[in-house]
């Protein structure tokens, strides 16, 4: 009896020229720069698309993407290369600052508050914001949270508001019990108290922004580190223009606005404020 032949998988080799093509396509559409040493990451992420499309090689995929020969695939190309690590209560000093310094002012003013999570990924950041809003602002203060991301796929995951048990470990137990429903598989699902506060929308930060603002708080954390200095400067200026007087911009702790002209006052590491608003 002859053993069945083994079916070879696709060739996932990526030449330096093809890597540069991927980097140029990504930068041209998203502003994100792929630095040297990311070849293994690119091969791993794009390899899933090569297999899904049953293509013979990664080279064939890159060539087809560059020539726009795969209808609808470019969105997947961007999706898999722009998904970044996130987590509930990540860099929690930002949330402590809101609770201690910003929310008391909102409570005293009693007006509507608008918050923007500008690169929300799979939703952990806007749902963390929703939890601290519910926990630390009176119900008389109306809050709206806009959460945007470049990835359609990751936005769909965020809107589902379901997370694994491992992802849920970042949520303090009292918050888990109060604002989340335990699922049979051990995961969690956000209750309406959270989902009613958050609206998700697709947005490429390098393109036109349909929203007009002003926003009282903007979070854009751990995404600008992937942009060059010129694009960082343009984004920070655009964020500043959309902030209400006294509004807060939070960036990632690994990100620096040093050397960028923005007109914002630094309050503490990675936290900036637009002038005015009674502060």
Protein backbone atom coordinates (compact mmCIF):
# COMPACT_ATOMS: atom_id res chain seq x y z
CA UNK A 1 0.00 0.00 0.00
CA UNK A 2 1.42 3.36 -1.01
CA UNK A 3 1.41 6.11 1.59
CA UNK A 4 -0.45 9.26 0.55
CA UNK A 5 1.78 12.05 -0.67
CA UNK A 6 2.30 14.95 1.69
CA UNK A 7 0.97 18.26 0.44
CA UNK A 8 3.57 20.98 0.69
CA UNK A 9 2.51 24.27 2.20
CA UNK A 10 3.01 27.63 0.50
CA UNK A 11 6.48 29.11 0.17
CA UNK A 12 6.67 31.87 2.80
CA UNK A 13 10.07 33.23 1.84
CA UNK A 14 10.17 37.04 1.69
CA UNK A 15 12.99 38.71 -0.23
CA UNK A 16 14.42 42.10 0.85
CA UNK A 17 12.77 43.70 -2.18
CA UNK A 18 9.38 42.20 -1.29
CA UNK A 19 9.80 43.32 2.32
CA UNK A 20 10.41 46.88 1.09
CA UNK A 21 7.27 46.62 -1.06
CA UNK A 22 5.22 45.57 1.97
CA UNK A 23 6.73 48.40 4.03
CA UNK A 24 5.99 50.99 1.34
CA UNK A 25 2.39 49.83 0.91
CA UNK A 26 1.79 49.89 4.65
CA UNK A 27 3.37 53.31 5.08
CA UNK A 28 1.51 54.78 2.13
CA UNK A 29 -1.86 53.71 3.50
CA UNK A 30 -1.43 53.96 7.28
CA UNK A 31 1.65 56.06 7.98
CA UNK A 32 3.16 53.17 9.95
CA UNK A 33 6.83 52.46 9.29
CA UNK A 34 8.04 48.87 9.29
CA UNK A 35 11.52 48.95 10.72
CA UNK A 36 14.31 46.49 10.05
CA UNK A 37 14.10 43.25 11.95
CA UNK A 38 10.32 42.82 11.56
CA UNK A 39 10.56 40.28 8.74
CA UNK A 40 9.53 37.33 10.92
CA UNK A 41 6.46 39.22 12.15
CA UNK A 42 5.44 40.13 8.61
CA UNK A 43 5.90 36.56 7.37
CA UNK A 44 3.86 35.18 10.26
CA UNK A 45 0.97 37.59 9.83
CA UNK A 46 0.80 37.61 6.04
CA UNK A 47 1.34 33.85 5.95
CA UNK A 48 -2.16 33.42 7.36
CA UNK A 49 -3.57 35.36 4.41
CA UNK A 50 -1.51 33.33 1.91
CA UNK A 51 -2.98 30.12 3.32
CA UNK A 52 -6.51 31.50 3.50
CA UNK A 53 -6.35 32.48 -0.17
CA UNK A 54 -4.62 29.21 -1.15
CA UNK A 55 -1.82 31.04 -2.90
CA UNK A 56 1.41 29.22 -3.76
CA UNK A 57 3.72 31.69 -2.07
CA UNK A 58 4.12 34.88 -0.09
CA UNK A 59 5.85 36.36 -3.13
CA UNK A 60 2.69 35.80 -5.17
CA UNK A 61 0.63 37.47 -2.44
CA UNK A 62 2.85 40.55 -2.26
CA UNK A 63 2.89 40.89 -6.05
CA UNK A 64 -0.90 40.61 -6.23
CA UNK A 65 -1.39 43.15 -3.43
CA UNK A 66 0.97 45.61 -5.11
CA UNK A 67 -0.94 45.26 -8.41
CA UNK A 68 -4.36 45.37 -6.68
CA UNK A 69 -5.25 41.98 -8.16
CA UNK A 70 -7.02 40.67 -5.04
CA UNK A 71 -10.37 42.49 -4.67
CA UNK A 72 -11.09 43.36 -1.06
CA UNK A 73 -7.83 41.87 0.22
CA UNK A 74 -6.00 45.13 0.87
CA UNK A 75 -8.14 45.73 3.96
CA UNK A 76 -7.01 42.36 5.34
CA UNK A 77 -3.41 43.25 4.49
CA UNK A 78 -3.66 46.43 6.58
CA UNK A 79 -5.59 44.67 9.35
CA UNK A 80 -3.04 41.97 10.05
CA UNK A 81 -0.09 44.36 9.99
CA UNK A 82 -1.56 47.06 12.24
CA UNK A 83 -2.96 45.04 15.15
CA UNK A 84 -0.97 45.93 18.28
CA UNK A 85 -0.80 44.69 21.85
CA UNK A 86 -3.36 46.14 24.24
CA UNK A 87 -4.98 45.29 27.55
CA UNK A 88 -7.41 46.45 30.20
CA UNK A 89 -6.07 49.22 32.48
CA UNK A 90 -2.82 49.32 30.50
CA UNK A 91 -0.61 52.19 31.72
CA UNK A 92 -3.04 52.74 34.57
CA UNK A 93 -1.50 56.07 35.61
CA UNK A 94 -3.61 57.68 32.90
CA UNK A 95 -6.82 56.37 34.44
CA UNK A 96 -5.69 57.41 37.92
CA UNK A 97 -5.11 60.92 36.56
CA UNK A 98 -8.62 61.05 35.12
CA UNK A 99 -10.16 59.86 38.37
CA UNK A 100 -8.17 62.18 40.63
CA UNK A 101 -7.70 65.32 38.53
CA UNK A 102 -10.18 65.44 35.66
CA UNK A 103 -13.40 63.76 36.72
CA UNK A 104 -13.97 66.05 39.73
CA UNK A 105 -14.07 69.00 37.31
CA UNK A 106 -16.50 67.17 35.04
CA UNK A 107 -18.71 66.34 38.01
CA UNK A 108 -18.73 69.97 39.17
CA UNK A 109 -19.59 71.29 35.71
CA UNK A 110 -22.31 68.70 35.09
CA UNK A 111 -22.16 69.05 31.30
CA UNK A 112 -21.83 66.43 28.58
CA UNK A 113 -18.35 64.92 28.28
CA UNK A 114 -16.85 63.60 25.04
CA UNK A 115 -13.92 61.15 25.07
CA UNK A 116 -12.05 59.75 22.07
CA UNK A 117 -10.02 56.54 22.09
CA UNK A 118 -8.14 57.20 18.85
CA UNK A 119 -6.51 53.80 18.30
CA UNK A 120 -8.78 51.50 20.26
CA UNK A 121 -7.60 48.14 18.86
CA UNK A 122 -9.75 45.31 20.27
CA UNK A 123 -11.62 47.58 22.69
CA UNK A 124 -9.86 47.15 26.02
CA UNK A 125 -9.02 50.86 26.25
CA UNK A 126 -12.50 52.31 25.58
CA UNK A 127 -14.13 49.74 27.87
CA UNK A 128 -11.62 50.62 30.59
CA UNK A 129 -12.60 54.26 30.10
CA UNK A 130 -16.26 53.25 30.33
CA UNK A 131 -15.63 51.41 33.60
CA UNK A 132 -13.89 54.34 35.27
CA UNK A 133 -16.60 56.68 34.00
CA UNK A 134 -19.36 54.52 35.49
CA UNK A 135 -17.47 54.08 38.72
CA UNK A 136 -16.25 57.64 39.31
CA UNK A 137 -18.66 60.06 37.62
CA UNK A 138 -22.23 60.70 38.77
CA UNK A 139 -24.96 59.39 36.49
CA UNK A 140 -26.13 62.97 35.94
CA UNK A 141 -23.03 63.58 33.79
CA UNK A 142 -23.66 62.34 30.26
CA UNK A 143 -20.56 60.76 28.71
CA UNK A 144 -19.97 59.67 25.12
CA UNK A 145 -16.92 57.63 24.16
CA UNK A 146 -15.86 57.40 20.52
CA UNK A 147 -13.51 54.49 19.76
CA UNK A 148 -11.79 54.32 16.37
CA UNK A 149 -9.25 52.08 14.67
CA UNK A 150 -7.88 51.44 11.20
CA UNK A 151 -8.65 47.70 11.33
CA UNK A 152 -12.16 46.59 10.37
CA UNK A 153 -11.48 43.12 11.73
CA UNK A 154 -10.32 44.28 15.14
CA UNK A 155 -13.23 46.74 15.39
CA UNK A 156 -15.67 43.88 14.87
CA UNK A 157 -13.99 42.07 17.75
CA UNK A 158 -14.21 45.17 19.93
CA UNK A 159 -17.91 45.65 19.18
CA UNK A 160 -18.60 42.06 20.20
CA UNK A 161 -17.36 43.05 23.69
CA UNK A 162 -16.26 39.51 24.53
CA UNK A 163 -12.89 38.62 25.99
CA UNK A 164 -11.11 35.48 27.14
CA UNK A 165 -10.41 34.62 30.75
CA UNK A 166 -6.76 35.52 30.19
CA UNK A 167 -7.67 38.95 28.84
CA UNK A 168 -10.07 39.50 31.74
CA UNK A 169 -7.29 39.13 34.30
CA UNK A 170 -6.37 42.78 33.78
CA UNK A 171 -9.73 43.93 35.18
CA UNK A 172 -9.95 44.39 38.97
CA UNK A 173 -12.33 41.82 40.47
CA UNK A 174 -14.93 44.37 41.68
CA UNK A 175 -15.17 45.80 38.16
CA UNK A 176 -15.46 42.35 36.59
CA UNK A 177 -18.32 41.46 38.90
CA UNK A 178 -20.14 44.75 38.38
CA UNK A 179 -19.76 45.42 34.67
CA UNK A 180 -19.17 42.05 33.01
CA UNK A 181 -21.09 38.79 32.55
CA UNK A 182 -19.19 35.52 32.94
CA UNK A 183 -19.54 33.24 29.91
CA UNK A 184 -19.69 29.41 29.99
CA UNK A 185 -16.18 29.13 28.53
CA UNK A 186 -14.74 31.29 31.31
CA UNK A 187 -14.60 34.45 29.22
CA UNK A 188 -16.52 37.65 29.85
CA UNK A 189 -18.98 39.87 28.00
CA UNK A 190 -19.55 43.57 28.68
CA UNK A 191 -22.88 44.56 30.20
CA UNK A 192 -25.04 47.30 28.63
CA UNK A 193 -23.77 49.73 31.28
CA UNK A 194 -20.50 49.76 29.33
CA UNK A 195 -21.52 49.11 25.74
CA UNK A 196 -24.08 51.92 25.83
CA UNK A 197 -21.29 54.44 26.43
CA UNK A 198 -19.05 53.42 23.53
CA UNK A 199 -19.50 53.96 19.80
CA UNK A 200 -17.02 52.29 17.45
CA UNK A 201 -16.07 53.63 14.03
CA UNK A 202 -13.45 52.92 11.39
CA UNK A 203 -10.84 55.65 10.99
CA UNK A 204 -7.43 55.96 9.38
CA UNK A 205 -5.61 58.61 11.42
CA UNK A 206 -3.62 59.72 8.39
CA UNK A 207 -6.74 60.62 6.40
CA UNK A 208 -9.60 63.10 6.88
CA UNK A 209 -11.42 62.99 10.23
CA UNK A 210 -15.20 63.31 9.92
CA UNK A 211 -15.80 64.21 13.57
CA UNK A 212 -15.70 67.86 14.58
CA UNK A 213 -15.16 67.70 18.33
CA UNK A 214 -14.43 69.29 20.63
CA UNK A 215 -13.30 66.42 22.85
CA UNK A 216 -12.65 66.73 26.56
CA UNK A 217 -10.25 63.77 26.60
CA UNK A 218 -8.31 62.14 23.75
CA UNK A 219 -6.34 58.92 24.24
CA UNK A 220 -3.86 58.09 21.47
CA UNK A 221 -1.45 55.70 23.14
CA UNK A 222 1.29 53.49 21.76
CA UNK A 223 0.49 54.10 18.12
CA UNK A 224 2.49 57.22 17.25
CA UNK A 225 5.72 55.35 17.98
CA UNK A 226 5.15 53.61 14.64
CA UNK A 227 4.95 56.94 12.76
CA UNK A 228 7.79 59.16 11.58
CA UNK A 229 8.39 62.50 13.30
CA UNK A 230 6.65 64.56 10.64
CA UNK A 231 3.44 62.54 10.90
CA UNK A 232 3.63 62.56 14.70
CA UNK A 233 3.80 66.35 14.63
CA UNK A 234 0.82 66.65 12.29
CA UNK A 235 -1.27 64.27 14.40
CA UNK A 236 -0.52 66.03 17.68
CA UNK A 237 -1.47 69.37 16.14
CA UNK A 238 -4.72 67.88 14.83
CA UNK A 239 -5.49 66.37 18.23
CA UNK A 240 -4.83 69.72 19.88
CA UNK A 241 -7.21 71.46 17.49
CA UNK A 242 -9.99 69.00 18.42
CA UNK A 243 -9.52 69.38 22.18
CA UNK A 244 -11.92 71.55 24.11
CA UNK A 245 -10.31 74.32 26.20
CA UNK A 246 -8.76 72.51 29.15
CA UNK A 247 -9.01 69.20 27.28
CA UNK A 248 -6.59 66.35 27.96
CA UNK A 249 -4.40 64.41 25.50
CA UNK A 250 -2.88 61.14 26.76
CA UNK A 251 -0.11 59.44 24.77
CA UNK A 252 1.84 56.26 25.48
CA UNK A 253 4.52 56.40 28.15
CA UNK A 254 7.07 55.29 25.55
CA UNK A 255 6.12 58.23 23.32
CA UNK A 256 7.66 61.69 23.55
CA UNK A 257 6.41 64.99 22.17
CA UNK A 258 9.83 66.58 22.66
CA UNK A 259 10.73 68.59 19.58
CA UNK A 260 7.11 68.73 18.37
CA UNK A 261 5.38 72.11 18.26
CA UNK A 262 1.94 71.57 19.73
CA UNK A 263 0.98 74.39 22.11
CA UNK A 264 -0.13 71.97 24.83
CA UNK A 265 0.97 72.07 28.45
CA UNK A 266 2.54 68.92 29.86
CA UNK A 267 0.91 68.04 33.19
CA UNK A 268 2.80 64.82 33.88
CA UNK A 269 4.59 62.17 31.81
CA UNK A 270 2.47 61.37 28.72
CA UNK A 271 -0.37 63.74 29.73
CA UNK A 272 -0.94 67.11 28.04
CA UNK A 273 -3.60 69.82 28.34
CA UNK A 274 -4.94 72.48 26.04
CA UNK A 275 -5.04 75.91 27.68
CA UNK A 276 -8.28 77.31 29.06
CA UNK A 277 -11.32 75.64 30.53
CA UNK A 278 -10.90 77.10 34.00
CA UNK A 279 -7.83 75.09 34.99
